[in-house]
Amino acid sequence: MPSRLRRAVLQASIAVPSSLFFMIPAHAVLGGNPMQTPEGATSSTVSPAVARAAVQGSSTSSTGQTTSSTSASYSVIQTTLSSGTVVREYVTQSGTVFGIAWSGPLMPNLTDLLGDYFPQFASGVQAARAAGVRGPGVVEQSGLVVHAGGHMGAFTGQAYLPQALPSGVAGSDIQ
């Protein structure tokens, strides 16, 4: 790994305080295929409305599993990792992940979640730090938006590709 990339990765790990030392593996790749359910995790496909309700504190059913609506331009795959962290993948009808959201006691592995976009995120966080910006890892660029933050025991975030959002879907829908 070139030293410049290694330095960016190190600085990004500082940007999202020590949480990156306690990452839980999750292998969704932004711009790629949905993750395979990791060992010890549970996964289900939920409708976009159910995913929004879950984020807002409503329950879906006693099992928590609801099949996505066929009229939606995308589906949401919700995976609860063995740590209790919930990862929601927003997937187009063709099977490409255009957005990811997470919440839970441990930070998921952003290198795995962001895939090829991780170096762009790391350099964006590094630039913000160099400009004196402190706080959560936030990158808002024309081709990538990532908001990662929280504190020990309560991490949240979202990442999405603005150019890949289906028609009628806004960044705020990625929750």
N, C-alpha and C. Protein backbone atom coordinates (compact mmCIF):
# COMPACT_ATOMS: atom_id res chain seq x y z
N MET A 1 0.86 -1.17 0.00
CA MET A 1 0.00 0.00 0.00
C MET A 1 0.90 1.23 0.00
N PRO A 2 0.73 2.13 -0.96
CA PRO A 2 1.57 3.34 -0.99
C PRO A 2 1.41 4.14 0.30
N SER A 3 2.50 4.81 0.69
CA SER A 3 2.47 5.52 1.97
C SER A 3 1.42 6.63 1.99
N ARG A 4 1.16 7.27 0.87
CA ARG A 4 0.15 8.33 0.82
C ARG A 4 -1.24 7.77 1.15
N LEU A 5 -1.57 6.62 0.56
CA LEU A 5 -2.86 5.99 0.84
C LEU A 5 -2.90 5.50 2.28
N ARG A 6 -1.79 4.93 2.76
CA ARG A 6 -1.72 4.46 4.14
C ARG A 6 -1.96 5.62 5.10
N ARG A 7 -1.36 6.77 4.81
CA ARG A 7 -1.53 7.96 5.66
C ARG A 7 -2.99 8.42 5.63
N ALA A 8 -3.62 8.41 4.45
CA ALA A 8 -5.03 8.82 4.34
C ALA A 8 -5.94 7.89 5.13
N VAL A 9 -5.66 6.60 5.05
CA VAL A 9 -6.46 5.64 5.79
C VAL A 9 -6.29 5.86 7.29
N LEU A 10 -5.06 6.09 7.73
CA LEU A 10 -4.80 6.34 9.14
C LEU A 10 -5.53 7.60 9.60
N GLN A 11 -5.46 8.65 8.81
CA GLN A 11 -6.12 9.89 9.21
C GLN A 11 -7.63 9.75 9.21
N ALA A 12 -8.18 8.95 8.29
CA ALA A 12 -9.62 8.72 8.30
C ALA A 12 -10.02 7.95 9.54
N SER A 13 -9.16 7.05 9.98
CA SER A 13 -9.50 6.30 11.19
C SER A 13 -9.49 7.20 12.41
N ILE A 14 -8.68 8.23 12.38
CA ILE A 14 -8.68 9.20 13.47
C ILE A 14 -9.94 10.06 13.39
N ALA A 15 -10.39 10.32 12.17
CA ALA A 15 -11.56 11.17 11.96
C ALA A 15 -12.82 10.58 12.56
N VAL A 16 -12.95 9.30 12.52
CA VAL A 16 -14.09 8.65 13.14
C VAL A 16 -13.48 7.96 14.36
N PRO A 17 -13.42 8.69 15.48
CA PRO A 17 -12.62 8.28 16.64
C PRO A 17 -12.48 6.78 16.80
N SER A 18 -11.73 6.33 17.61
CA SER A 18 -11.30 4.95 17.75
C SER A 18 -12.28 3.88 17.29
N SER A 19 -13.43 4.27 16.76
CA SER A 19 -14.43 3.30 16.33
C SER A 19 -13.89 2.35 15.27
N LEU A 20 -12.97 2.80 14.44
CA LEU A 20 -12.49 1.93 13.39
C LEU A 20 -11.67 0.77 13.94
N PHE A 21 -11.25 0.85 15.18
CA PHE A 21 -10.53 -0.25 15.78
C PHE A 21 -11.48 -1.36 16.21
N PHE A 22 -12.76 -1.09 16.24
CA PHE A 22 -13.76 -2.05 16.67
C PHE A 22 -14.75 -2.36 15.58
N MET A 23 -14.30 -2.36 14.33
CA MET A 23 -15.20 -2.55 13.20
C MET A 23 -15.69 -3.99 13.10
N ILE A 24 -16.92 -4.11 12.64
CA ILE A 24 -17.51 -5.40 12.38
C ILE A 24 -17.49 -5.60 10.86
N PRO A 25 -17.05 -6.75 10.37
CA PRO A 25 -16.99 -6.95 8.93
C PRO A 25 -18.37 -6.86 8.29
N ALA A 26 -18.45 -6.15 7.21
CA ALA A 26 -19.65 -6.05 6.40
C ALA A 26 -19.17 -5.85 4.98
N HIS A 27 -19.64 -6.62 4.05
CA HIS A 27 -19.04 -6.61 2.73
C HIS A 27 -19.96 -6.13 1.62
N ALA A 28 -20.76 -5.11 1.88
CA ALA A 28 -21.50 -4.45 0.81
C ALA A 28 -20.50 -3.54 0.14
N VAL A 29 -20.69 -3.27 -1.09
CA VAL A 29 -19.79 -2.34 -1.75
C VAL A 29 -20.62 -1.30 -2.46
N LEU A 30 -20.43 -0.06 -2.06
CA LEU A 30 -21.13 1.05 -2.69
C LEU A 30 -20.79 1.04 -4.18
N GLY A 31 -21.81 1.05 -5.01
CA GLY A 31 -21.62 0.99 -6.45
C GLY A 31 -21.49 -0.43 -6.97
N GLY A 32 -21.58 -1.43 -6.08
CA GLY A 32 -21.45 -2.83 -6.48
C GLY A 32 -22.64 -3.66 -6.04
N ASN A 33 -22.37 -4.91 -5.75
CA ASN A 33 -23.42 -5.85 -5.35
C ASN A 33 -23.70 -5.78 -3.85
N PRO A 34 -24.91 -6.14 -3.44
CA PRO A 34 -25.22 -6.21 -2.00
C PRO A 34 -24.32 -7.24 -1.31
N MET A 35 -24.14 -7.04 0.00
CA MET A 35 -23.30 -7.96 0.77
C MET A 35 -23.97 -9.31 0.94
N GLN A 36 -23.14 -10.33 1.11
CA GLN A 36 -23.65 -11.61 1.52
C GLN A 36 -23.78 -11.54 3.03
N THR A 37 -24.81 -12.17 3.56
CA THR A 37 -25.04 -12.09 5.00
C THR A 37 -23.86 -12.70 5.74
N PRO A 38 -23.17 -11.87 6.58
CA PRO A 38 -22.04 -12.40 7.33
C PRO A 38 -22.47 -13.43 8.36
N GLU A 39 -21.53 -14.26 8.78
CA GLU A 39 -21.80 -15.28 9.81
C GLU A 39 -22.35 -14.61 11.06
N GLY A 40 -23.42 -15.15 11.60
CA GLY A 40 -24.01 -14.64 12.83
C GLY A 40 -24.96 -13.46 12.62
N ALA A 41 -25.14 -13.04 11.37
CA ALA A 41 -26.02 -11.90 11.08
C ALA A 41 -27.34 -12.40 10.54
N THR A 42 -28.35 -11.53 10.55
CA THR A 42 -29.63 -11.83 9.94
C THR A 42 -29.90 -10.76 8.89
N SER A 43 -30.57 -11.16 7.83
CA SER A 43 -30.81 -10.24 6.73
C SER A 43 -32.23 -10.41 6.20
N SER A 44 -32.84 -9.31 5.76
CA SER A 44 -34.15 -9.36 5.15
C SER A 44 -34.29 -8.20 4.18
N THR A 45 -35.18 -8.36 3.24
CA THR A 45 -35.50 -7.28 2.31
C THR A 45 -36.73 -6.59 2.84
N VAL A 46 -36.64 -5.28 2.99
CA VAL A 46 -37.77 -4.50 3.50
C VAL A 46 -38.14 -3.44 2.48
N SER A 47 -39.37 -2.97 2.52
CA SER A 47 -39.77 -1.91 1.62
C SER A 47 -39.13 -0.61 2.07
N PRO A 48 -38.93 0.34 1.17
CA PRO A 48 -38.37 1.63 1.57
C PRO A 48 -39.15 2.28 2.70
N ALA A 49 -40.48 2.17 2.68
CA ALA A 49 -41.30 2.79 3.74
C ALA A 49 -41.04 2.11 5.08
N VAL A 50 -40.87 0.80 5.07
CA VAL A 50 -40.60 0.07 6.30
C VAL A 50 -39.22 0.45 6.84
N ALA A 51 -38.24 0.62 5.95
CA ALA A 51 -36.90 1.02 6.38
C ALA A 51 -36.95 2.39 7.04
N ARG A 52 -37.70 3.34 6.45
CA ARG A 52 -37.82 4.68 7.04
C ARG A 52 -38.50 4.59 8.40
N ALA A 53 -39.56 3.77 8.50
CA ALA A 53 -40.27 3.64 9.77
C ALA A 53 -39.36 3.03 10.84
N ALA A 54 -38.53 2.08 10.47
CA ALA A 54 -37.62 1.45 11.43
C ALA A 54 -36.63 2.47 11.96
N VAL A 55 -36.14 3.35 11.10
CA VAL A 55 -35.20 4.38 11.53
C VAL A 55 -35.89 5.36 12.47
N GLN A 56 -37.19 5.60 12.24
CA GLN A 56 -37.92 6.55 13.06
C GLN A 56 -38.49 5.91 14.32
N GLY A 57 -38.19 4.62 14.54
CA GLY A 57 -38.58 3.96 15.79
C GLY A 57 -39.84 3.12 15.71
N SER A 58 -40.47 3.02 14.56
CA SER A 58 -41.66 2.18 14.45
C SER A 58 -41.23 0.74 14.24
N SER A 59 -42.10 -0.19 14.60
CA SER A 59 -41.78 -1.59 14.35
C SER A 59 -42.53 -2.05 13.11
N THR A 60 -41.98 -3.08 12.45
CA THR A 60 -42.58 -3.56 11.22
C THR A 60 -43.53 -4.72 11.48
N SER A 61 -43.07 -5.70 12.22
CA SER A 61 -43.89 -6.86 12.55
C SER A 61 -43.16 -7.60 13.65
N SER A 62 -43.76 -8.67 14.12
CA SER A 62 -43.10 -9.41 15.18
C SER A 62 -41.79 -10.03 14.71
N THR A 63 -41.67 -10.34 13.41
CA THR A 63 -40.44 -10.92 12.90
C THR A 63 -39.49 -9.86 12.39
N GLY A 64 -40.01 -8.67 12.08
CA GLY A 64 -39.17 -7.60 11.55
C GLY A 64 -38.86 -7.77 10.07
N GLN A 65 -39.50 -8.75 9.42
CA GLN A 65 -39.20 -8.98 8.01
C GLN A 65 -40.42 -8.65 7.17
N THR A 66 -40.20 -7.80 6.18
CA THR A 66 -41.26 -7.43 5.25
C THR A 66 -40.68 -7.44 3.85
N THR A 67 -41.38 -7.99 2.91
CA THR A 67 -40.88 -8.05 1.55
C THR A 67 -41.08 -6.70 0.87
N SER A 68 -40.15 -6.33 0.01
CA SER A 68 -40.22 -5.02 -0.63
C SER A 68 -41.35 -4.96 -1.64
N SER A 69 -41.82 -3.75 -1.85
CA SER A 69 -42.89 -3.51 -2.81
C SER A 69 -42.34 -3.61 -4.23
N THR A 70 -43.09 -4.25 -5.13
CA THR A 70 -42.62 -4.39 -6.49
C THR A 70 -42.73 -3.09 -7.26
N SER A 71 -43.50 -2.12 -6.78
CA SER A 71 -43.65 -0.85 -7.49
C SER A 71 -42.52 0.13 -7.17
N ALA A 72 -41.71 -0.16 -6.15
CA ALA A 72 -40.62 0.73 -5.78
C ALA A 72 -39.51 0.65 -6.82
N SER A 73 -38.80 1.77 -7.02
CA SER A 73 -37.69 1.78 -7.97
C SER A 73 -36.42 1.21 -7.36
N TYR A 74 -36.50 0.86 -6.08
CA TYR A 74 -35.36 0.25 -5.39
C TYR A 74 -35.87 -0.57 -4.23
N SER A 75 -34.99 -1.38 -3.67
CA SER A 75 -35.33 -2.15 -2.48
C SER A 75 -34.28 -1.86 -1.41
N VAL A 76 -34.61 -2.23 -0.20
CA VAL A 76 -33.69 -2.03 0.93
C VAL A 76 -33.44 -3.39 1.55
N ILE A 77 -32.18 -3.75 1.63
CA ILE A 77 -31.79 -4.99 2.30
C ILE A 77 -31.24 -4.59 3.66
N GLN A 78 -31.87 -5.07 4.70
CA GLN A 78 -31.48 -4.72 6.06
C GLN A 78 -30.80 -5.91 6.71
N THR A 79 -29.56 -5.70 7.15
CA THR A 79 -28.79 -6.76 7.79
C THR A 79 -28.45 -6.33 9.21
N THR A 80 -28.77 -7.18 10.16
CA THR A 80 -28.39 -6.94 11.55
C THR A 80 -27.18 -7.81 11.84
N LEU A 81 -26.03 -7.15 12.04
CA LEU A 81 -24.80 -7.86 12.31
C LEU A 81 -24.85 -8.47 13.71
N SER A 82 -23.98 -9.40 13.98
CA SER A 82 -23.98 -10.06 15.29
C SER A 82 -23.73 -9.08 16.43
N SER A 83 -23.14 -7.93 16.14
CA SER A 83 -22.88 -6.89 17.15
C SER A 83 -24.13 -6.09 17.50
N GLY A 84 -25.17 -6.22 16.68
CA GLY A 84 -26.36 -5.40 16.86
C GLY A 84 -26.41 -4.22 15.91
N THR A 85 -25.33 -3.95 15.20
CA THR A 85 -25.30 -2.86 14.22
C THR A 85 -26.16 -3.26 13.03
N VAL A 86 -27.00 -2.33 12.58
CA VAL A 86 -27.88 -2.56 11.44
C VAL A 86 -27.32 -1.83 10.24
N VAL A 87 -27.17 -2.55 9.13
CA VAL A 87 -26.70 -1.98 7.87
C VAL A 87 -27.84 -2.11 6.88
N ARG A 88 -28.23 -0.99 6.26
CA ARG A 88 -29.28 -0.98 5.25
C ARG A 88 -28.64 -0.64 3.91
N GLU A 89 -28.84 -1.53 2.93
CA GLU A 89 -28.31 -1.32 1.59
C GLU A 89 -29.47 -0.93 0.68
N TYR A 90 -29.30 0.14 -0.04
CA TYR A 90 -30.31 0.63 -0.98
C TYR A 90 -29.87 0.16 -2.36
N VAL A 91 -30.72 -0.68 -2.98
CA VAL A 91 -30.33 -1.42 -4.18
C VAL A 91 -31.28 -1.12 -5.33
N THR A 92 -30.72 -0.80 -6.49
CA THR A 92 -31.55 -0.56 -7.68
C THR A 92 -32.17 -1.86 -8.14
N GLN A 93 -33.13 -1.76 -9.05
CA GLN A 93 -33.78 -2.96 -9.59
C GLN A 93 -32.77 -3.84 -10.32
N SER A 94 -31.68 -3.25 -10.82
CA SER A 94 -30.66 -4.04 -11.52
C SER A 94 -29.65 -4.67 -10.56
N GLY A 95 -29.79 -4.40 -9.23
CA GLY A 95 -28.94 -5.06 -8.25
C GLY A 95 -27.70 -4.30 -7.80
N THR A 96 -27.62 -3.01 -8.10
CA THR A 96 -26.47 -2.20 -7.71
C THR A 96 -26.77 -1.39 -6.46
N VAL A 97 -25.84 -1.41 -5.50
CA VAL A 97 -25.99 -0.66 -4.26
C VAL A 97 -25.67 0.82 -4.55
N PHE A 98 -26.67 1.69 -4.38
CA PHE A 98 -26.44 3.12 -4.60
C PHE A 98 -26.37 3.90 -3.29
N GLY A 99 -26.74 3.25 -2.19
CA GLY A 99 -26.69 3.91 -0.89
C GLY A 99 -26.58 2.90 0.23
N ILE A 100 -25.95 3.32 1.32
CA ILE A 100 -25.79 2.46 2.50
C ILE A 100 -26.01 3.33 3.73
N ALA A 101 -26.71 2.81 4.71
CA ALA A 101 -26.87 3.50 6.00
C ALA A 101 -26.59 2.49 7.10
N TRP A 102 -26.12 2.98 8.23
CA TRP A 102 -25.84 2.09 9.35
C TRP A 102 -26.13 2.78 10.66
N SER A 103 -26.42 1.98 11.67
CA SER A 103 -26.61 2.48 13.03
C SER A 103 -26.41 1.33 13.99
N GLY A 104 -25.77 1.62 15.10
CA GLY A 104 -25.58 0.57 16.09
C GLY A 104 -24.41 0.82 17.01
N PRO A 105 -24.15 -0.15 17.86
CA PRO A 105 -23.13 0.02 18.89
C PRO A 105 -21.70 -0.02 18.37
N LEU A 106 -21.47 -0.63 17.22
CA LEU A 106 -20.13 -0.68 16.64
C LEU A 106 -20.16 -0.16 15.21
N MET A 107 -19.09 0.52 14.81
CA MET A 107 -18.97 1.04 13.45
C MET A 107 -18.69 -0.13 12.50
N PRO A 108 -19.44 -0.22 11.38
CA PRO A 108 -19.10 -1.25 10.40
C PRO A 108 -17.79 -0.87 9.71
N ASN A 109 -17.20 -1.80 9.01
CA ASN A 109 -15.94 -1.56 8.33
C ASN A 109 -16.19 -0.69 7.09
N LEU A 110 -15.83 0.58 7.17
CA LEU A 110 -16.08 1.49 6.06
C LEU A 110 -15.26 1.16 4.83
N THR A 111 -14.12 0.55 5.00
CA THR A 111 -13.32 0.13 3.85
C THR A 111 -14.12 -0.86 3.01
N ASP A 112 -14.79 -1.81 3.67
CA ASP A 112 -15.61 -2.78 2.96
C ASP A 112 -16.88 -2.14 2.40
N LEU A 113 -17.55 -1.32 3.20
CA LEU A 113 -18.81 -0.71 2.76
C LEU A 113 -18.63 0.23 1.58
N LEU A 114 -17.57 1.03 1.62
CA LEU A 114 -17.38 2.04 0.58
C LEU A 114 -16.61 1.50 -0.62
N GLY A 115 -15.92 0.39 -0.47
CA GLY A 115 -15.20 -0.22 -1.59
C GLY A 115 -14.24 0.75 -2.24
N ASP A 116 -14.34 0.90 -3.56
CA ASP A 116 -13.44 1.78 -4.32
C ASP A 116 -13.60 3.24 -3.94
N TYR A 117 -14.67 3.59 -3.25
CA TYR A 117 -14.90 4.98 -2.84
C TYR A 117 -14.22 5.32 -1.51
N PHE A 118 -13.67 4.32 -0.81
CA PHE A 118 -13.05 4.61 0.48
C PHE A 118 -11.88 5.59 0.36
N PRO A 119 -10.96 5.46 -0.60
CA PRO A 119 -9.87 6.44 -0.70
C PRO A 119 -10.39 7.87 -0.91
N GLN A 120 -11.47 8.03 -1.66
CA GLN A 120 -12.07 9.35 -1.87
C GLN A 120 -12.61 9.89 -0.55
N PHE A 121 -13.26 9.03 0.23
CA PHE A 121 -13.75 9.42 1.56
C PHE A 121 -12.58 9.80 2.46
N ALA A 122 -11.54 8.98 2.49
CA ALA A 122 -10.39 9.23 3.36
C ALA A 122 -9.70 10.54 3.00
N SER A 123 -9.54 10.82 1.71
CA SER A 123 -8.89 12.08 1.33
C SER A 123 -9.79 13.27 1.61
N GLY A 124 -11.11 13.10 1.51
CA GLY A 124 -12.04 14.18 1.85
C GLY A 124 -11.99 14.51 3.33
N VAL A 125 -11.92 13.49 4.17
CA VAL A 125 -11.82 13.70 5.61
C VAL A 125 -10.47 14.34 5.94
N GLN A 126 -9.42 13.87 5.28
CA GLN A 126 -8.08 14.43 5.50
C GLN A 126 -8.07 15.92 5.14
N ALA A 127 -8.68 16.29 4.03
CA ALA A 127 -8.74 17.70 3.62
C ALA A 127 -9.52 18.53 4.63
N ALA A 128 -10.60 17.99 5.15
CA ALA A 128 -11.39 18.71 6.16
C ALA A 128 -10.57 18.92 7.42
N ARG A 129 -9.85 17.89 7.83
CA ARG A 129 -9.00 18.01 9.03
C ARG A 129 -7.91 19.06 8.83
N ALA A 130 -7.32 19.06 7.65
CA ALA A 130 -6.27 20.04 7.35
C ALA A 130 -6.83 21.46 7.38
N ALA A 131 -8.11 21.61 7.05
CA ALA A 131 -8.76 22.93 7.07
C ALA A 131 -9.25 23.29 8.46
N GLY A 132 -9.00 22.43 9.44
CA GLY A 132 -9.37 22.73 10.82
C GLY A 132 -10.76 22.26 11.23
N VAL A 133 -11.44 21.49 10.36
CA VAL A 133 -12.77 21.01 10.68
C VAL A 133 -12.65 19.82 11.61
N ARG A 134 -13.36 19.85 12.71
CA ARG A 134 -13.37 18.74 13.67
C ARG A 134 -14.78 18.18 13.75
N GLY A 135 -14.91 16.98 14.22
CA GLY A 135 -16.22 16.37 14.36
C GLY A 135 -16.35 15.14 13.51
N PRO A 136 -17.57 14.78 13.14
CA PRO A 136 -17.79 13.54 12.41
C PRO A 136 -17.14 13.57 11.02
N GLY A 137 -16.95 12.38 10.46
CA GLY A 137 -16.41 12.28 9.11
C GLY A 137 -17.48 12.61 8.09
N VAL A 138 -17.36 13.77 7.47
CA VAL A 138 -18.35 14.20 6.49
C VAL A 138 -17.64 14.54 5.19
N VAL A 139 -18.10 13.93 4.11
CA VAL A 139 -17.59 14.23 2.78
C VAL A 139 -18.82 14.46 1.90
N GLU A 140 -18.89 15.61 1.29
CA GLU A 140 -20.00 15.92 0.38
C GLU A 140 -19.40 16.41 -0.92
N GLN A 141 -19.26 15.48 -1.87
CA GLN A 141 -18.70 15.79 -3.17
C GLN A 141 -19.73 15.43 -4.24
N SER A 142 -19.48 15.86 -5.46
CA SER A 142 -20.47 15.61 -6.52
C SER A 142 -20.68 14.12 -6.78
N GLY A 143 -19.66 13.30 -6.57
CA GLY A 143 -19.80 11.87 -6.85
C GLY A 143 -19.93 10.99 -5.63
N LEU A 144 -19.83 11.56 -4.41
CA LEU A 144 -19.90 10.76 -3.20
C LEU A 144 -20.32 11.63 -2.03
N VAL A 145 -21.27 11.12 -1.26
CA VAL A 145 -21.68 11.78 -0.01
C VAL A 145 -21.58 10.74 1.09
N VAL A 146 -20.84 11.08 2.16
CA VAL A 146 -20.71 10.20 3.32
C VAL A 146 -20.84 11.04 4.57
N HIS A 147 -21.67 10.61 5.49
CA HIS A 147 -21.78 11.21 6.82
C HIS A 147 -21.56 10.06 7.80
N ALA A 148 -20.48 10.10 8.55
CA ALA A 148 -20.17 9.04 9.51
C ALA A 148 -19.87 9.68 10.85
N GLY A 149 -20.54 9.22 11.89
CA GLY A 149 -20.29 9.81 13.19
C GLY A 149 -20.87 8.98 14.31
N GLY A 150 -20.92 9.60 15.46
CA GLY A 150 -21.45 8.95 16.64
C GLY A 150 -20.39 8.90 17.72
N HIS A 151 -20.64 8.05 18.67
CA HIS A 151 -19.70 7.87 19.78
C HIS A 151 -19.77 6.41 20.21
N MET A 152 -18.84 6.02 21.06
CA MET A 152 -18.77 4.63 21.49
C MET A 152 -20.15 4.14 21.93
N GLY A 153 -20.60 3.09 21.26
CA GLY A 153 -21.89 2.50 21.59
C GLY A 153 -23.05 3.00 20.76
N ALA A 154 -22.85 4.06 19.96
CA ALA A 154 -23.94 4.62 19.16
C ALA A 154 -23.38 5.29 17.91
N PHE A 155 -23.16 4.49 16.88
CA PHE A 155 -22.62 5.01 15.62
C PHE A 155 -23.70 5.04 14.56
N THR A 156 -23.68 6.05 13.73
CA THR A 156 -24.63 6.16 12.62
C THR A 156 -23.90 6.69 11.40
N GLY A 157 -24.50 6.49 10.26
CA GLY A 157 -23.92 7.05 9.06
C GLY A 157 -24.72 6.70 7.84
N GLN A 158 -24.37 7.37 6.77
CA GLN A 158 -24.97 7.12 5.48
C GLN A 158 -23.93 7.43 4.42
N ALA A 159 -24.03 6.72 3.33
CA ALA A 159 -23.17 6.97 2.17
C ALA A 159 -24.01 6.71 0.94
N TYR A 160 -23.86 7.57 -0.05
CA TYR A 160 -24.59 7.34 -1.29
C TYR A 160 -23.89 8.01 -2.46
N LEU A 161 -24.26 7.55 -3.64
CA LEU A 161 -23.71 8.07 -4.89
C LEU A 161 -24.79 8.95 -5.52
N PRO A 162 -24.65 10.28 -5.46
CA PRO A 162 -25.70 11.16 -5.98
C PRO A 162 -26.08 10.86 -7.43
N GLN A 163 -25.11 10.54 -8.25
CA GLN A 163 -25.37 10.29 -9.66
C GLN A 163 -26.11 8.97 -9.89
N ALA A 164 -26.13 8.09 -8.90
CA ALA A 164 -26.77 6.78 -9.05
C ALA A 164 -28.14 6.70 -8.39
N LEU A 165 -28.59 7.79 -7.74
CA LEU A 165 -29.90 7.77 -7.10
C LEU A 165 -30.99 7.57 -8.15
N PRO A 166 -31.89 6.62 -7.94
CA PRO A 166 -32.99 6.44 -8.89
C PRO A 166 -33.87 7.68 -8.95
N SER A 167 -34.58 7.82 -10.02
CA SER A 167 -35.49 8.95 -10.19
C SER A 167 -36.47 9.00 -9.02
N GLY A 168 -36.63 10.19 -8.46
CA GLY A 168 -37.56 10.38 -7.34
C GLY A 168 -36.99 10.04 -5.99
N VAL A 169 -35.72 9.64 -5.92
CA VAL A 169 -35.07 9.31 -4.65
C VAL A 169 -34.08 10.41 -4.32
N ALA A 170 -34.16 10.90 -3.07
CA ALA A 170 -33.24 11.95 -2.59
C ALA A 170 -32.25 11.35 -1.61
N GLY A 171 -31.15 12.04 -1.41
CA GLY A 171 -30.16 11.60 -0.44
C GLY A 171 -30.74 11.41 0.94
N SER A 172 -31.72 12.22 1.29
CA SER A 172 -32.34 12.11 2.62
C SER A 172 -33.14 10.81 2.79
N ASP A 173 -33.42 10.10 1.68
CA ASP A 173 -34.11 8.82 1.78
C ASP A 173 -33.19 7.70 2.27
N ILE A 174 -31.88 7.94 2.21
CA ILE A 174 -30.90 6.94 2.66
C ILE A 174 -30.75 7.12 4.16
N GLN A 175 -31.43 6.29 4.94
CA GLN A 175 -31.45 6.42 6.40
C GLN A 175 -31.16 5.09 7.06
